[in-house]
């Protein structure tokens, strides 16, 4: 597992995880899955993308913005974690 922290958001990438490239971003009591695509980072389109499901939109957006801002570093971490 690898992790990086940016602006209070802790991003984790798990070595056993699957494609597409993604990170789990934790902020406050919210966990958000952000995927990395050629067009840029975005909130994952899956049922468990935001936990809890009633998370504050501002907390979710903080995680997504941090992922977009630090996308290059998170992609490098994905590479390091997955070889």
N, C-alpha and C. Protein backbone atom coordinates (compact mmCIF):
# COMPACT_ATOMS: atom_id res chain seq x y z
N UNK A 1 0.85 -1.17 0.00
CA UNK A 1 0.00 0.00 0.00
C UNK A 1 0.89 1.23 0.00
N UNK A 2 0.44 2.24 -0.71
CA UNK A 2 1.13 3.52 -0.72
C UNK A 2 0.16 4.61 -0.35
N UNK A 3 0.67 5.68 0.24
CA UNK A 3 -0.22 6.79 0.59
C UNK A 3 0.51 8.12 0.49
N UNK A 4 -0.27 9.15 0.22
CA UNK A 4 0.21 10.53 0.15
C UNK A 4 -0.86 11.43 0.78
N UNK A 5 -0.42 12.52 1.38
CA UNK A 5 -1.36 13.46 1.99
C UNK A 5 -1.18 14.83 1.33
N UNK A 6 -2.31 15.41 0.93
CA UNK A 6 -2.32 16.75 0.33
C UNK A 6 -3.45 17.54 0.96
N UNK A 7 -3.13 18.65 1.59
CA UNK A 7 -4.15 19.55 2.12
C UNK A 7 -5.18 18.90 3.02
N UNK A 8 -4.73 17.99 3.87
CA UNK A 8 -5.65 17.33 4.80
C UNK A 8 -6.33 16.10 4.24
N UNK A 9 -6.10 15.79 2.96
CA UNK A 9 -6.70 14.60 2.34
C UNK A 9 -5.63 13.52 2.26
N UNK A 10 -5.93 12.36 2.82
CA UNK A 10 -5.02 11.22 2.77
C UNK A 10 -5.47 10.31 1.63
N UNK A 11 -4.60 10.14 0.64
CA UNK A 11 -4.88 9.25 -0.48
C UNK A 11 -4.15 7.94 -0.26
N UNK A 12 -4.86 6.84 -0.46
CA UNK A 12 -4.27 5.51 -0.34
C UNK A 12 -4.49 4.75 -1.63
N UNK A 13 -3.45 4.01 -2.02
CA UNK A 13 -3.53 3.13 -3.18
C UNK A 13 -3.09 1.75 -2.70
N UNK A 14 -3.96 0.77 -2.91
CA UNK A 14 -3.71 -0.57 -2.41
C UNK A 14 -3.07 -1.44 -3.48
N UNK A 15 -2.07 -2.22 -3.11
CA UNK A 15 -1.33 -3.03 -4.07
C UNK A 15 -2.18 -4.12 -4.70
N UNK A 16 -3.20 -4.61 -4.02
CA UNK A 16 -4.05 -5.67 -4.54
C UNK A 16 -5.23 -5.13 -5.35
N UNK A 17 -5.31 -3.82 -5.50
CA UNK A 17 -6.46 -3.21 -6.15
C UNK A 17 -6.44 -3.40 -7.66
N UNK A 18 -7.50 -3.09 -8.29
CA UNK A 18 -7.79 -3.39 -9.70
C UNK A 18 -7.79 -2.12 -10.55
N UNK A 19 -7.80 -2.32 -11.85
CA UNK A 19 -7.99 -1.21 -12.79
C UNK A 19 -9.46 -0.84 -12.80
N UNK A 20 -9.83 0.36 -13.16
CA UNK A 20 -8.96 1.44 -13.62
C UNK A 20 -8.16 2.04 -12.46
N UNK A 21 -7.11 2.78 -12.84
CA UNK A 21 -6.29 3.44 -11.82
C UNK A 21 -7.19 4.30 -10.95
N UNK A 22 -6.99 4.17 -9.65
CA UNK A 22 -7.81 4.97 -8.74
C UNK A 22 -7.12 5.08 -7.38
N UNK A 23 -7.60 6.01 -6.60
CA UNK A 23 -7.11 6.20 -5.24
C UNK A 23 -8.31 6.37 -4.32
N UNK A 24 -8.11 6.02 -3.07
CA UNK A 24 -9.11 6.21 -2.03
C UNK A 24 -8.68 7.43 -1.23
N UNK A 25 -9.47 8.48 -1.30
CA UNK A 25 -9.14 9.72 -0.60
C UNK A 25 -9.99 9.87 0.65
N UNK A 26 -9.35 10.07 1.79
CA UNK A 26 -10.07 10.21 3.06
C UNK A 26 -9.91 11.63 3.58
N UNK A 27 -11.04 12.23 3.92
CA UNK A 27 -11.06 13.58 4.49
C UNK A 27 -12.21 13.64 5.47
N UNK A 28 -11.93 14.16 6.66
CA UNK A 28 -12.94 14.19 7.73
C UNK A 28 -13.40 12.74 7.94
N UNK A 29 -14.69 12.48 7.79
CA UNK A 29 -15.19 11.11 7.95
C UNK A 29 -15.70 10.56 6.64
N UNK A 30 -15.12 11.05 5.54
CA UNK A 30 -15.57 10.68 4.21
C UNK A 30 -14.45 9.96 3.47
N UNK A 31 -14.80 8.92 2.72
CA UNK A 31 -13.85 8.25 1.83
C UNK A 31 -14.43 8.34 0.42
N UNK A 32 -13.59 8.82 -0.50
CA UNK A 32 -14.02 9.04 -1.88
C UNK A 32 -13.07 8.30 -2.80
N UNK A 33 -13.61 7.58 -3.77
CA UNK A 33 -12.79 6.90 -4.77
C UNK A 33 -12.71 7.80 -6.00
N UNK A 34 -11.47 8.12 -6.36
CA UNK A 34 -11.21 8.98 -7.52
C UNK A 34 -10.46 8.15 -8.55
N UNK A 35 -10.96 8.16 -9.79
CA UNK A 35 -10.32 7.42 -10.88
C UNK A 35 -9.47 8.35 -11.72
N UNK A 36 -8.41 7.80 -12.31
CA UNK A 36 -7.50 8.58 -13.15
C UNK A 36 -7.60 8.08 -14.58
N UNK A 37 -8.12 8.93 -15.44
CA UNK A 37 -8.32 8.63 -16.85
C UNK A 37 -7.48 9.57 -17.69
N UNK A 38 -7.28 9.26 -18.97
CA UNK A 38 -6.50 10.17 -19.83
C UNK A 38 -7.04 11.61 -19.82
N UNK A 39 -8.34 11.78 -19.67
CA UNK A 39 -8.93 13.12 -19.62
C UNK A 39 -8.81 13.81 -18.27
N UNK A 40 -8.29 13.11 -17.27
CA UNK A 40 -8.12 13.70 -15.95
C UNK A 40 -8.79 12.90 -14.85
N UNK A 41 -8.54 13.31 -13.62
CA UNK A 41 -9.10 12.65 -12.45
C UNK A 41 -10.57 13.02 -12.31
N UNK A 42 -11.37 12.04 -11.85
CA UNK A 42 -12.79 12.31 -11.63
C UNK A 42 -13.35 11.33 -10.60
N UNK A 43 -14.45 11.72 -10.02
CA UNK A 43 -15.15 10.86 -9.07
C UNK A 43 -15.53 9.57 -9.79
N UNK A 44 -15.26 8.45 -9.15
CA UNK A 44 -15.57 7.15 -9.74
C UNK A 44 -17.08 7.01 -9.94
N UNK A 45 -17.44 6.33 -11.01
CA UNK A 45 -18.86 6.08 -11.29
C UNK A 45 -19.19 4.66 -10.86
N UNK A 46 -19.28 4.46 -9.55
CA UNK A 46 -19.61 3.16 -9.00
C UNK A 46 -20.39 3.36 -7.71
N UNK A 47 -21.10 2.35 -7.28
CA UNK A 47 -22.01 2.48 -6.14
C UNK A 47 -21.31 2.86 -4.85
N UNK A 48 -20.04 2.47 -4.70
CA UNK A 48 -19.33 2.73 -3.45
C UNK A 48 -18.31 3.87 -3.57
N UNK A 49 -18.53 4.78 -4.50
CA UNK A 49 -17.57 5.86 -4.74
C UNK A 49 -17.48 6.84 -3.57
N UNK A 50 -18.54 6.98 -2.81
CA UNK A 50 -18.55 7.89 -1.66
C UNK A 50 -19.11 7.16 -0.45
N UNK A 51 -18.34 7.20 0.64
CA UNK A 51 -18.76 6.59 1.90
C UNK A 51 -18.59 7.61 3.01
N UNK A 52 -19.58 7.87 3.80
CA UNK A 52 -20.95 7.38 3.72
C UNK A 52 -21.70 8.03 2.56
N UNK A 53 -22.79 7.44 2.16
CA UNK A 53 -23.53 7.93 1.00
C UNK A 53 -24.13 9.31 1.24
N UNK A 54 -24.29 9.71 2.48
CA UNK A 54 -24.85 11.03 2.78
C UNK A 54 -23.75 12.04 3.14
N UNK A 55 -22.55 11.83 2.64
CA UNK A 55 -21.42 12.73 2.93
C UNK A 55 -21.71 14.14 2.41
N UNK A 56 -21.13 15.11 3.08
CA UNK A 56 -21.29 16.49 2.63
C UNK A 56 -20.63 16.67 1.27
N UNK A 57 -21.34 17.31 0.37
CA UNK A 57 -20.82 17.55 -0.99
C UNK A 57 -19.51 18.31 -0.94
N UNK A 58 -19.36 19.25 -0.03
CA UNK A 58 -18.13 20.05 0.06
C UNK A 58 -16.93 19.16 0.43
N UNK A 59 -17.14 18.16 1.27
CA UNK A 59 -16.06 17.24 1.63
C UNK A 59 -15.66 16.37 0.43
N UNK A 60 -16.66 15.90 -0.30
CA UNK A 60 -16.40 15.08 -1.49
C UNK A 60 -15.62 15.90 -2.51
N UNK A 61 -16.05 17.12 -2.75
CA UNK A 61 -15.39 17.97 -3.74
C UNK A 61 -13.97 18.34 -3.32
N UNK A 62 -13.72 18.47 -2.02
CA UNK A 62 -12.36 18.75 -1.55
C UNK A 62 -11.43 17.60 -1.95
N UNK A 63 -11.88 16.37 -1.81
CA UNK A 63 -11.08 15.21 -2.19
C UNK A 63 -10.84 15.19 -3.70
N UNK A 64 -11.89 15.41 -4.47
CA UNK A 64 -11.76 15.38 -5.93
C UNK A 64 -10.83 16.49 -6.41
N UNK A 65 -10.97 17.69 -5.86
CA UNK A 65 -10.08 18.80 -6.24
C UNK A 65 -8.63 18.50 -5.91
N UNK A 66 -8.37 17.92 -4.75
CA UNK A 66 -7.00 17.58 -4.36
C UNK A 66 -6.43 16.52 -5.30
N UNK A 67 -7.26 15.56 -5.71
CA UNK A 67 -6.80 14.52 -6.65
C UNK A 67 -6.46 15.13 -8.00
N UNK A 68 -7.27 16.06 -8.47
CA UNK A 68 -7.00 16.72 -9.75
C UNK A 68 -5.71 17.52 -9.68
N UNK A 69 -5.53 18.22 -8.59
CA UNK A 69 -4.35 19.07 -8.41
C UNK A 69 -3.07 18.24 -8.32
N UNK A 70 -3.15 17.05 -7.76
CA UNK A 70 -1.96 16.22 -7.53
C UNK A 70 -2.03 14.91 -8.33
N UNK A 71 -2.67 14.97 -9.47
CA UNK A 71 -2.87 13.77 -10.29
C UNK A 71 -1.55 13.11 -10.69
N UNK A 72 -0.56 13.89 -11.06
CA UNK A 72 0.73 13.32 -11.48
C UNK A 72 1.38 12.52 -10.36
N UNK A 73 1.37 13.07 -9.15
CA UNK A 73 1.96 12.37 -8.01
C UNK A 73 1.20 11.09 -7.69
N UNK A 74 -0.13 11.15 -7.78
CA UNK A 74 -0.94 9.97 -7.49
C UNK A 74 -0.76 8.89 -8.56
N UNK A 75 -0.60 9.29 -9.81
CA UNK A 75 -0.32 8.31 -10.87
C UNK A 75 1.04 7.66 -10.66
N UNK A 76 2.03 8.43 -10.22
CA UNK A 76 3.35 7.85 -9.92
C UNK A 76 3.23 6.84 -8.77
N UNK A 77 2.46 7.20 -7.76
CA UNK A 77 2.26 6.28 -6.64
C UNK A 77 1.58 5.00 -7.10
N UNK A 78 0.61 5.11 -8.02
CA UNK A 78 -0.03 3.90 -8.56
C UNK A 78 1.02 3.02 -9.22
N UNK A 79 1.88 3.62 -10.04
CA UNK A 79 2.95 2.86 -10.73
C UNK A 79 3.88 2.19 -9.73
N UNK A 80 4.30 2.93 -8.71
CA UNK A 80 5.20 2.37 -7.69
C UNK A 80 4.54 1.22 -6.93
N UNK A 81 3.27 1.38 -6.63
CA UNK A 81 2.55 0.38 -5.85
C UNK A 81 2.26 -0.88 -6.65
N UNK A 82 2.03 -0.72 -7.95
CA UNK A 82 1.65 -1.86 -8.79
C UNK A 82 2.80 -2.37 -9.67
N UNK A 83 3.98 -1.78 -9.53
CA UNK A 83 5.14 -2.26 -10.27
C UNK A 83 5.04 -1.92 -11.69
